[in-house]
Amino acid sequence: MRRSFARQLCLFDKMSLTLLQLNQLSQSEFVRVVGPVFEHSPWIAEAAWLKRPFADVETLHRDLCKIVRNVGAERQLALIRAHPDLVGRLALAGQLTRESTNEQASAGLNQLTPEEVALFQQNNVAYQDKFGFPFIICARLNKKEAILNGFAVRLKNSREQEIQTALGEIFKIAELRLRDLTQG
């Protein structure tokens, strides 16, 4: 029975899991399923698995975010740096994760003119030069105009403000990704 459930998990791309199912996963299965909620950072899901069972999706999300808040500055920066630039080299080469590809497309970033692509890339360079990590914004909650405005506003911030802003945006992204993979 365990093996058939594991085989069913291979289909999770096409369906959602219930919270009960998530709570019953082995650690490796949980990390495989929940790991992509935070870009290239499965260590967060690995730590969260120990906190099972989760009463609801909000509790799971809160626990995931708490792990990030408590790991220290270096791990937080590694998480931030695990995110791709918006309309960056990876996006243009079609090498983003499925989640990032869909999120950037939802903001219309896959339908930019060459001039708009150049503007995004100029902003990415300016932001990276100032802060040392990529500009992160929850693309699913924004469109290209708001994102471009976000660059202008946030380039005026301090590095510490931007670290906190980036983490807040990552938490929004994670919540949406988590809701995508769960029912309810």
N, C-alpha and C. Protein backbone atom coordinates (compact mmCIF):
# COMPACT_ATOMS: atom_id res chain seq x y z
N MET A 1 0.82 -1.19 0.00
CA MET A 1 0.00 0.00 0.00
C MET A 1 0.87 1.25 0.00
N ARG A 2 1.94 1.26 0.75
CA ARG A 2 2.84 2.41 0.80
C ARG A 2 3.41 2.71 -0.58
N ARG A 3 3.78 1.66 -1.31
CA ARG A 3 4.36 1.87 -2.63
C ARG A 3 3.35 2.47 -3.59
N SER A 4 2.10 2.02 -3.54
CA SER A 4 1.11 2.58 -4.46
C SER A 4 0.87 4.05 -4.15
N PHE A 5 0.91 4.41 -2.86
CA PHE A 5 0.76 5.83 -2.50
C PHE A 5 1.94 6.63 -3.03
N ALA A 6 3.14 6.07 -2.91
CA ALA A 6 4.33 6.75 -3.43
C ALA A 6 4.22 6.95 -4.94
N ARG A 7 3.70 5.92 -5.63
CA ARG A 7 3.50 6.07 -7.08
C ARG A 7 2.48 7.16 -7.38
N GLN A 8 1.45 7.24 -6.56
CA GLN A 8 0.44 8.28 -6.76
C GLN A 8 1.07 9.66 -6.61
N LEU A 9 2.06 9.79 -5.73
CA LEU A 9 2.70 11.09 -5.53
C LEU A 9 3.41 11.56 -6.78
N CYS A 10 3.84 10.64 -7.62
CA CYS A 10 4.48 11.03 -8.88
C CYS A 10 3.52 11.84 -9.73
N LEU A 11 2.25 11.68 -9.48
CA LEU A 11 1.24 12.40 -10.25
C LEU A 11 0.87 13.74 -9.61
N PHE A 12 1.55 14.13 -8.52
CA PHE A 12 1.12 15.32 -7.80
C PHE A 12 1.19 16.57 -8.66
N ASP A 13 1.97 16.55 -9.74
CA ASP A 13 1.99 17.70 -10.64
C ASP A 13 0.61 17.98 -11.22
N LYS A 14 -0.21 16.93 -11.33
CA LYS A 14 -1.50 17.06 -11.99
C LYS A 14 -2.64 17.14 -10.99
N MET A 15 -2.33 16.99 -9.71
CA MET A 15 -3.39 17.01 -8.71
C MET A 15 -2.87 17.64 -7.43
N SER A 16 -3.77 17.91 -6.54
CA SER A 16 -3.40 18.43 -5.23
C SER A 16 -3.43 17.32 -4.21
N LEU A 17 -2.70 17.52 -3.14
CA LEU A 17 -2.72 16.60 -2.02
C LEU A 17 -3.50 17.22 -0.88
N THR A 18 -4.11 16.39 -0.08
CA THR A 18 -4.78 16.90 1.11
C THR A 18 -3.73 17.11 2.19
N LEU A 19 -4.08 17.89 3.17
CA LEU A 19 -3.18 18.09 4.30
C LEU A 19 -2.94 16.77 5.03
N LEU A 20 -3.95 15.95 5.12
CA LEU A 20 -3.80 14.63 5.74
C LEU A 20 -2.74 13.82 4.99
N GLN A 21 -2.78 13.83 3.67
CA GLN A 21 -1.78 13.12 2.88
C GLN A 21 -0.38 13.68 3.12
N LEU A 22 -0.26 15.01 3.15
CA LEU A 22 1.04 15.62 3.42
C LEU A 22 1.58 15.21 4.78
N ASN A 23 0.71 15.21 5.78
CA ASN A 23 1.11 14.84 7.13
C ASN A 23 1.59 13.39 7.22
N GLN A 24 1.14 12.54 6.30
CA GLN A 24 1.48 11.12 6.34
C GLN A 24 2.71 10.77 5.50
N LEU A 25 3.26 11.72 4.78
CA LEU A 25 4.41 11.44 3.93
C LEU A 25 5.66 11.16 4.75
N SER A 26 6.51 10.29 4.20
CA SER A 26 7.83 10.10 4.79
C SER A 26 8.60 11.41 4.61
N GLN A 27 9.71 11.54 5.32
CA GLN A 27 10.47 12.78 5.20
C GLN A 27 10.93 13.02 3.77
N SER A 28 11.45 12.00 3.11
CA SER A 28 11.93 12.19 1.74
C SER A 28 10.79 12.57 0.79
N GLU A 29 9.62 11.95 0.96
CA GLU A 29 8.47 12.30 0.11
C GLU A 29 8.00 13.72 0.41
N PHE A 30 7.96 14.08 1.68
CA PHE A 30 7.54 15.42 2.07
C PHE A 30 8.48 16.47 1.47
N VAL A 31 9.78 16.22 1.54
CA VAL A 31 10.76 17.15 0.99
C VAL A 31 10.61 17.25 -0.52
N ARG A 32 10.35 16.12 -1.18
CA ARG A 32 10.17 16.15 -2.64
C ARG A 32 8.95 16.96 -3.03
N VAL A 33 7.87 16.85 -2.25
CA VAL A 33 6.62 17.53 -2.57
C VAL A 33 6.64 18.99 -2.12
N VAL A 34 7.05 19.23 -0.88
CA VAL A 34 6.98 20.58 -0.31
C VAL A 34 8.25 21.38 -0.58
N GLY A 35 9.35 20.72 -0.85
CA GLY A 35 10.61 21.40 -1.10
C GLY A 35 10.54 22.53 -2.11
N PRO A 36 9.88 22.35 -3.26
CA PRO A 36 9.82 23.42 -4.25
C PRO A 36 9.02 24.67 -3.84
N VAL A 37 8.36 24.61 -2.69
CA VAL A 37 7.64 25.79 -2.20
C VAL A 37 8.62 26.94 -1.99
N PHE A 38 9.85 26.61 -1.57
CA PHE A 38 10.92 27.60 -1.44
C PHE A 38 11.97 27.27 -2.50
N GLU A 39 12.22 28.19 -3.39
CA GLU A 39 13.09 28.00 -4.56
C GLU A 39 14.44 27.38 -4.20
N HIS A 40 14.71 26.21 -4.74
CA HIS A 40 16.00 25.52 -4.59
C HIS A 40 16.46 25.45 -3.13
N SER A 41 15.53 25.28 -2.21
CA SER A 41 15.88 25.26 -0.78
C SER A 41 15.10 24.17 -0.05
N PRO A 42 15.31 22.91 -0.40
CA PRO A 42 14.55 21.82 0.22
C PRO A 42 14.84 21.66 1.72
N TRP A 43 15.91 22.26 2.21
CA TRP A 43 16.25 22.17 3.63
C TRP A 43 15.14 22.72 4.52
N ILE A 44 14.34 23.63 4.00
CA ILE A 44 13.25 24.22 4.79
C ILE A 44 12.16 23.17 5.00
N ALA A 45 11.78 22.48 3.93
CA ALA A 45 10.78 21.40 4.05
C ALA A 45 11.31 20.28 4.93
N GLU A 46 12.58 19.99 4.81
CA GLU A 46 13.19 18.93 5.63
C GLU A 46 13.04 19.25 7.12
N ALA A 47 13.30 20.49 7.49
CA ALA A 47 13.16 20.90 8.89
C ALA A 47 11.69 20.92 9.32
N ALA A 48 10.81 21.32 8.42
CA ALA A 48 9.38 21.42 8.76
C ALA A 48 8.75 20.06 8.99
N TRP A 49 9.24 19.05 8.30
CA TRP A 49 8.67 17.70 8.44
C TRP A 49 8.63 17.27 9.90
N LEU A 50 9.62 17.67 10.67
CA LEU A 50 9.70 17.29 12.08
C LEU A 50 8.57 17.89 12.92
N LYS A 51 7.90 18.91 12.40
CA LYS A 51 6.85 19.61 13.13
C LYS A 51 5.45 19.04 12.85
N ARG A 52 5.37 17.97 12.04
CA ARG A 52 4.08 17.37 11.72
C ARG A 52 3.42 16.83 12.98
N PRO A 53 2.14 16.65 13.00
CA PRO A 53 1.18 16.97 11.92
C PRO A 53 0.80 18.45 11.95
N PHE A 54 0.45 18.95 10.79
CA PHE A 54 0.02 20.33 10.66
C PHE A 54 -1.50 20.38 10.70
N ALA A 55 -2.04 21.29 11.48
CA ALA A 55 -3.49 21.39 11.65
C ALA A 55 -4.16 21.92 10.39
N ASP A 56 -3.46 22.80 9.67
CA ASP A 56 -4.01 23.39 8.46
C ASP A 56 -2.87 23.96 7.62
N VAL A 57 -3.20 24.42 6.44
CA VAL A 57 -2.19 24.95 5.52
C VAL A 57 -1.54 26.21 6.11
N GLU A 58 -2.32 27.01 6.82
CA GLU A 58 -1.77 28.22 7.43
C GLU A 58 -0.68 27.87 8.45
N THR A 59 -0.93 26.83 9.23
CA THR A 59 0.06 26.40 10.22
C THR A 59 1.32 25.89 9.54
N LEU A 60 1.15 25.11 8.48
CA LEU A 60 2.31 24.62 7.73
C LEU A 60 3.10 25.80 7.19
N HIS A 61 2.43 26.77 6.58
CA HIS A 61 3.11 27.94 6.03
C HIS A 61 3.81 28.72 7.13
N ARG A 62 3.14 28.94 8.24
CA ARG A 62 3.73 29.67 9.36
C ARG A 62 5.00 28.96 9.87
N ASP A 63 4.93 27.62 9.98
CA ASP A 63 6.09 26.86 10.44
C ASP A 63 7.25 26.94 9.45
N LEU A 64 6.96 26.87 8.16
CA LEU A 64 7.99 27.00 7.14
C LEU A 64 8.68 28.36 7.24
N CYS A 65 7.87 29.41 7.37
CA CYS A 65 8.42 30.76 7.47
C CYS A 65 9.22 30.96 8.75
N LYS A 66 8.75 30.36 9.84
CA LYS A 66 9.46 30.46 11.12
C LYS A 66 10.85 29.83 11.02
N ILE A 67 10.94 28.73 10.30
CA ILE A 67 12.24 28.09 10.08
C ILE A 67 13.19 29.07 9.40
N VAL A 68 12.70 29.75 8.36
CA VAL A 68 13.52 30.71 7.64
C VAL A 68 13.91 31.87 8.55
N ARG A 69 12.98 32.38 9.32
CA ARG A 69 13.27 33.51 10.21
C ARG A 69 14.34 33.17 11.25
N ASN A 70 14.41 31.90 11.64
CA ASN A 70 15.30 31.50 12.74
C ASN A 70 16.64 30.91 12.31
N VAL A 71 16.94 30.88 11.02
CA VAL A 71 18.18 30.22 10.59
C VAL A 71 19.40 31.11 10.58
N GLY A 72 19.23 32.39 10.68
CA GLY A 72 20.37 33.29 10.64
C GLY A 72 20.56 33.92 9.28
N ALA A 73 21.34 34.97 9.28
CA ALA A 73 21.49 35.82 8.10
C ALA A 73 22.10 35.10 6.90
N GLU A 74 23.11 34.26 7.14
CA GLU A 74 23.77 33.59 6.01
C GLU A 74 22.83 32.65 5.27
N ARG A 75 22.06 31.87 5.99
CA ARG A 75 21.10 30.95 5.35
C ARG A 75 19.98 31.73 4.67
N GLN A 76 19.56 32.82 5.30
CA GLN A 76 18.53 33.65 4.67
C GLN A 76 19.04 34.23 3.35
N LEU A 77 20.26 34.71 3.35
CA LEU A 77 20.84 35.23 2.10
C LEU A 77 20.97 34.14 1.05
N ALA A 78 21.32 32.94 1.47
CA ALA A 78 21.41 31.82 0.51
C ALA A 78 20.04 31.55 -0.10
N LEU A 79 18.99 31.61 0.71
CA LEU A 79 17.63 31.43 0.20
C LEU A 79 17.28 32.53 -0.80
N ILE A 80 17.58 33.76 -0.46
CA ILE A 80 17.30 34.88 -1.37
C ILE A 80 18.06 34.70 -2.67
N ARG A 81 19.32 34.33 -2.57
CA ARG A 81 20.16 34.16 -3.77
C ARG A 81 19.77 32.95 -4.60
N ALA A 82 18.98 32.05 -4.04
CA ALA A 82 18.52 30.87 -4.80
C ALA A 82 17.45 31.25 -5.83
N HIS A 83 16.93 32.46 -5.73
CA HIS A 83 15.88 32.91 -6.66
C HIS A 83 16.51 33.49 -7.92
N PRO A 84 15.85 33.28 -9.04
CA PRO A 84 16.36 33.82 -10.31
C PRO A 84 16.01 35.29 -10.48
N ASP A 85 16.78 35.96 -11.32
CA ASP A 85 16.41 37.31 -11.72
C ASP A 85 15.13 37.26 -12.53
N LEU A 86 14.31 38.28 -12.40
CA LEU A 86 13.12 38.40 -13.24
C LEU A 86 13.57 38.75 -14.65
N VAL A 87 13.10 37.99 -15.62
CA VAL A 87 13.48 38.17 -17.02
C VAL A 87 15.00 38.12 -17.16
N GLY A 88 15.62 37.28 -16.37
CA GLY A 88 17.07 37.15 -16.39
C GLY A 88 17.53 36.08 -17.36
N ARG A 89 18.80 35.78 -17.25
CA ARG A 89 19.46 34.81 -18.14
C ARG A 89 18.75 33.46 -18.15
N LEU A 90 18.40 32.95 -16.96
CA LEU A 90 17.73 31.65 -16.89
C LEU A 90 16.35 31.69 -17.53
N ALA A 91 15.62 32.76 -17.31
CA ALA A 91 14.28 32.89 -17.90
C ALA A 91 14.39 32.92 -19.42
N LEU A 92 15.32 33.70 -19.93
CA LEU A 92 15.46 33.83 -21.38
C LEU A 92 15.94 32.54 -22.03
N ALA A 93 16.65 31.71 -21.26
CA ALA A 93 17.13 30.43 -21.77
C ALA A 93 16.14 29.30 -21.51
N GLY A 94 15.00 29.60 -20.87
CA GLY A 94 14.00 28.58 -20.57
C GLY A 94 14.46 27.60 -19.50
N GLN A 95 15.27 28.07 -18.56
CA GLN A 95 15.86 27.18 -17.55
C GLN A 95 15.36 27.45 -16.14
N LEU A 96 14.24 28.13 -15.99
CA LEU A 96 13.66 28.35 -14.67
C LEU A 96 12.95 27.09 -14.18
N THR A 97 12.71 27.02 -12.89
CA THR A 97 11.85 25.95 -12.38
C THR A 97 10.46 26.14 -12.99
N ARG A 98 9.69 25.07 -12.99
CA ARG A 98 8.32 25.15 -13.51
C ARG A 98 7.55 26.25 -12.77
N GLU A 99 7.72 26.30 -11.44
CA GLU A 99 6.99 27.27 -10.64
C GLU A 99 7.37 28.70 -11.03
N SER A 100 8.67 28.98 -11.14
CA SER A 100 9.11 30.33 -11.51
C SER A 100 8.67 30.71 -12.91
N THR A 101 8.72 29.76 -13.82
CA THR A 101 8.26 30.02 -15.19
C THR A 101 6.80 30.45 -15.19
N ASN A 102 5.96 29.70 -14.48
CA ASN A 102 4.54 30.03 -14.42
C ASN A 102 4.29 31.36 -13.73
N GLU A 103 5.04 31.63 -12.67
CA GLU A 103 4.86 32.89 -11.93
C GLU A 103 5.26 34.09 -12.77
N GLN A 104 6.38 34.00 -13.46
CA GLN A 104 6.79 35.12 -14.30
C GLN A 104 5.81 35.32 -15.46
N ALA A 105 5.30 34.23 -15.99
CA ALA A 105 4.31 34.33 -17.07
C ALA A 105 3.02 34.98 -16.56
N SER A 106 2.62 34.68 -15.33
CA SER A 106 1.39 35.27 -14.80
C SER A 106 1.47 36.79 -14.69
N ALA A 107 2.69 37.31 -14.56
CA ALA A 107 2.89 38.75 -14.50
C ALA A 107 3.09 39.35 -15.90
N GLY A 108 3.03 38.51 -16.92
CA GLY A 108 3.22 38.99 -18.29
C GLY A 108 4.68 39.15 -18.68
N LEU A 109 5.59 38.59 -17.89
CA LEU A 109 7.01 38.78 -18.16
C LEU A 109 7.52 37.91 -19.30
N ASN A 110 6.68 37.04 -19.80
CA ASN A 110 7.05 36.21 -20.96
C ASN A 110 6.60 36.85 -22.27
N GLN A 111 6.03 38.04 -22.19
CA GLN A 111 5.52 38.71 -23.39
C GLN A 111 6.06 40.13 -23.50
N LEU A 112 7.31 40.32 -23.15
CA LEU A 112 7.92 41.63 -23.16
C LEU A 112 8.53 41.96 -24.52
N THR A 113 8.56 43.24 -24.81
CA THR A 113 9.28 43.70 -26.00
C THR A 113 10.78 43.63 -25.72
N PRO A 114 11.60 43.66 -26.75
CA PRO A 114 13.05 43.69 -26.51
C PRO A 114 13.47 44.88 -25.63
N GLU A 115 12.81 45.99 -25.77
CA GLU A 115 13.12 47.17 -24.95
C GLU A 115 12.78 46.92 -23.48
N GLU A 116 11.66 46.26 -23.24
CA GLU A 116 11.27 45.95 -21.87
C GLU A 116 12.22 44.93 -21.24
N VAL A 117 12.65 43.95 -22.04
CA VAL A 117 13.62 42.96 -21.55
C VAL A 117 14.90 43.69 -21.13
N ALA A 118 15.36 44.61 -21.97
CA ALA A 118 16.57 45.37 -21.65
C ALA A 118 16.39 46.19 -20.38
N LEU A 119 15.21 46.78 -20.19
CA LEU A 119 14.93 47.56 -18.98
C LEU A 119 14.96 46.67 -17.74
N PHE A 120 14.36 45.50 -17.82
CA PHE A 120 14.41 44.56 -16.69
C PHE A 120 15.85 44.18 -16.39
N GLN A 121 16.62 43.90 -17.42
CA GLN A 121 18.00 43.48 -17.20
C GLN A 121 18.85 44.61 -16.60
N GLN A 122 18.61 45.84 -17.03
CA GLN A 122 19.32 46.99 -16.44
C GLN A 122 18.97 47.13 -14.96
N ASN A 123 17.68 46.98 -14.65
CA ASN A 123 17.25 47.06 -13.26
C ASN A 123 17.83 45.91 -12.43
N ASN A 124 17.86 44.71 -12.99
CA ASN A 124 18.46 43.57 -12.29
C ASN A 124 19.92 43.84 -11.93
N VAL A 125 20.67 44.39 -12.87
CA VAL A 125 22.09 44.68 -12.64
C VAL A 125 22.24 45.74 -11.56
N ALA A 126 21.46 46.82 -11.65
CA ALA A 126 21.54 47.89 -10.65
C ALA A 126 21.20 47.37 -9.26
N TYR A 127 20.17 46.55 -9.18
CA TYR A 127 19.73 46.00 -7.90
C TYR A 127 20.79 45.04 -7.35
N GLN A 128 21.27 44.15 -8.19
CA GLN A 128 22.29 43.17 -7.78
C GLN A 128 23.57 43.89 -7.33
N ASP A 129 23.95 44.92 -8.07
CA ASP A 129 25.15 45.69 -7.71
C ASP A 129 25.00 46.36 -6.35
N LYS A 130 23.83 46.87 -6.05
CA LYS A 130 23.62 47.58 -4.79
C LYS A 130 23.47 46.63 -3.60
N PHE A 131 22.73 45.53 -3.78
CA PHE A 131 22.37 44.69 -2.64
C PHE A 131 23.10 43.34 -2.59
N GLY A 132 23.59 42.86 -3.72
CA GLY A 132 24.31 41.59 -3.72
C GLY A 132 23.41 40.37 -3.81
N PHE A 133 22.17 40.56 -4.19
CA PHE A 133 21.23 39.45 -4.38
C PHE A 133 20.15 39.91 -5.35
N PRO A 134 19.38 38.95 -5.91
CA PRO A 134 18.38 39.31 -6.91
C PRO A 134 17.16 40.02 -6.31
N PHE A 135 16.54 40.83 -7.12
CA PHE A 135 15.29 41.50 -6.78
C PHE A 135 14.19 40.44 -6.73
N ILE A 136 13.52 40.36 -5.61
CA ILE A 136 12.46 39.37 -5.46
C ILE A 136 11.15 40.07 -5.18
N ILE A 137 10.15 39.69 -5.96
CA ILE A 137 8.80 40.19 -5.77
C ILE A 137 7.86 39.05 -6.16
N CYS A 138 6.75 38.96 -5.50
CA CYS A 138 5.79 37.91 -5.81
C CYS A 138 5.13 38.27 -7.15
N ALA A 139 5.65 37.70 -8.22
CA ALA A 139 5.19 38.04 -9.57
C ALA A 139 3.70 37.75 -9.76
N ARG A 140 3.20 36.71 -9.11
CA ARG A 140 1.79 36.35 -9.27
C ARG A 140 0.86 37.43 -8.72
N LEU A 141 1.36 38.28 -7.85
CA LEU A 141 0.53 39.34 -7.28
C LEU A 141 0.82 40.69 -7.92
N ASN A 142 1.60 40.70 -9.01
CA ASN A 142 1.99 41.94 -9.67
C ASN A 142 2.00 41.76 -11.19
N LYS A 143 2.02 42.86 -11.88
CA LYS A 143 2.19 42.87 -13.33
C LYS A 143 3.48 43.63 -13.64
N LYS A 144 3.89 43.62 -14.89
CA LYS A 144 5.20 44.16 -15.24
C LYS A 144 5.37 45.62 -14.81
N GLU A 145 4.32 46.44 -14.94
CA GLU A 145 4.43 47.85 -14.57
C GLU A 145 4.70 48.01 -13.07
N ALA A 146 4.00 47.23 -12.26
CA ALA A 146 4.20 47.30 -10.80
C ALA A 146 5.58 46.79 -10.43
N ILE A 147 6.05 45.78 -11.13
CA ILE A 147 7.38 45.23 -10.85
C ILE A 147 8.45 46.26 -11.20
N LEU A 148 8.32 46.88 -12.35
CA LEU A 148 9.28 47.91 -12.73
C LEU A 148 9.26 49.08 -11.74
N ASN A 149 8.08 49.46 -11.29
CA ASN A 149 7.98 50.51 -10.27
C ASN A 149 8.63 50.05 -8.97
N GLY A 150 8.47 48.76 -8.66
CA GLY A 150 9.09 48.21 -7.46
C GLY A 150 10.60 48.34 -7.47
N PHE A 151 11.20 48.14 -8.62
CA PHE A 151 12.65 48.35 -8.72
C PHE A 151 13.00 49.78 -8.31
N ALA A 152 12.31 50.75 -8.91
CA ALA A 152 12.61 52.17 -8.65
C ALA A 152 12.47 52.51 -7.17
N VAL A 153 11.40 52.03 -6.55
CA VAL A 153 11.15 52.32 -5.14
C VAL A 153 12.16 51.61 -4.25
N ARG A 154 12.37 50.34 -4.50
CA ARG A 154 13.19 49.54 -3.59
C ARG A 154 14.68 49.79 -3.75
N LEU A 155 15.12 50.30 -4.87
CA LEU A 155 16.54 50.65 -5.01
C LEU A 155 16.94 51.77 -4.05
N LYS A 156 15.98 52.46 -3.48
CA LYS A 156 16.25 53.53 -2.51
C LYS A 156 16.40 52.99 -1.09
N ASN A 157 16.07 51.73 -0.87
CA ASN A 157 16.11 51.13 0.46
C ASN A 157 17.53 50.79 0.90
N SER A 158 17.67 50.53 2.20
CA SER A 158 18.93 50.01 2.73
C SER A 158 18.99 48.51 2.44
N ARG A 159 20.17 47.95 2.59
CA ARG A 159 20.34 46.51 2.36
C ARG A 159 19.49 45.72 3.35
N GLU A 160 19.49 46.12 4.62
CA GLU A 160 18.70 45.40 5.63
C GLU A 160 17.20 45.47 5.30
N GLN A 161 16.74 46.64 4.86
CA GLN A 161 15.33 46.75 4.45
C GLN A 161 15.02 45.79 3.31
N GLU A 162 15.94 45.69 2.38
CA GLU A 162 15.71 44.83 1.22
C GLU A 162 15.78 43.35 1.57
N ILE A 163 16.62 43.00 2.51
CA ILE A 163 16.64 41.59 2.96
C ILE A 163 15.28 41.25 3.55
N GLN A 164 14.76 42.11 4.40
CA GLN A 164 13.45 41.86 5.01
C GLN A 164 12.33 41.88 3.98
N THR A 165 12.40 42.80 3.02
CA THR A 165 11.39 42.85 1.96
C THR A 165 11.45 41.59 1.10
N ALA A 166 12.66 41.16 0.75
CA ALA A 166 12.82 39.95 -0.07
C ALA A 166 12.25 38.74 0.66
N LEU A 167 12.53 38.62 1.95
CA LEU A 167 11.99 37.49 2.71
C LEU A 167 10.46 37.55 2.74
N GLY A 168 9.91 38.73 2.92
CA GLY A 168 8.45 38.88 2.90
C GLY A 168 7.85 38.45 1.57
N GLU A 169 8.51 38.80 0.48
CA GLU A 169 8.04 38.39 -0.85
C GLU A 169 8.18 36.88 -1.03
N ILE A 170 9.27 36.31 -0.53
CA ILE A 170 9.46 34.86 -0.60
C ILE A 170 8.36 34.15 0.17
N PHE A 171 7.97 34.70 1.30
CA PHE A 171 6.89 34.09 2.09
C PHE A 171 5.56 34.13 1.32
N LYS A 172 5.31 35.21 0.58
CA LYS A 172 4.10 35.29 -0.25
C LYS A 172 4.14 34.23 -1.35
N ILE A 173 5.30 34.13 -2.01
CA ILE A 173 5.47 33.14 -3.07
C ILE A 173 5.25 31.74 -2.52
N ALA A 174 5.83 31.46 -1.36
CA ALA A 174 5.70 30.14 -0.73
C ALA A 174 4.25 29.83 -0.39
N GLU A 175 3.53 30.82 0.11
CA GLU A 175 2.12 30.58 0.45
C GLU A 175 1.32 30.20 -0.78
N LEU A 176 1.52 30.91 -1.87
CA LEU A 176 0.79 30.60 -3.09
C LEU A 176 1.18 29.22 -3.64
N ARG A 177 2.45 28.90 -3.60
CA ARG A 177 2.90 27.59 -4.07
C ARG A 177 2.34 26.48 -3.19
N LEU A 178 2.31 26.71 -1.89
CA LEU A 178 1.76 25.73 -0.97
C LEU A 178 0.29 25.50 -1.22
N ARG A 179 -0.45 26.56 -1.46
CA ARG A 179 -1.88 26.43 -1.74
C ARG A 179 -2.11 25.70 -3.07
N ASP A 180 -1.19 25.89 -4.02
CA ASP A 180 -1.29 25.19 -5.30
C ASP A 180 -1.19 23.68 -5.13
N LEU A 181 -0.35 23.24 -4.19
CA LEU A 181 -0.13 21.80 -4.08
C LEU A 181 -1.06 21.13 -3.05
N THR A 182 -1.83 21.92 -2.32
CA THR A 182 -2.73 21.34 -1.35
C THR A 182 -4.19 21.61 -1.74
N GLN A 183 -5.05 20.78 -1.26
CA GLN A 183 -6.48 21.00 -1.46
C GLN A 183 -6.99 21.78 -0.28
N GLY A 184 -7.52 22.96 -0.55
CA GLY A 184 -8.11 23.74 0.55
C GLY A 184 -7.18 24.63 1.13
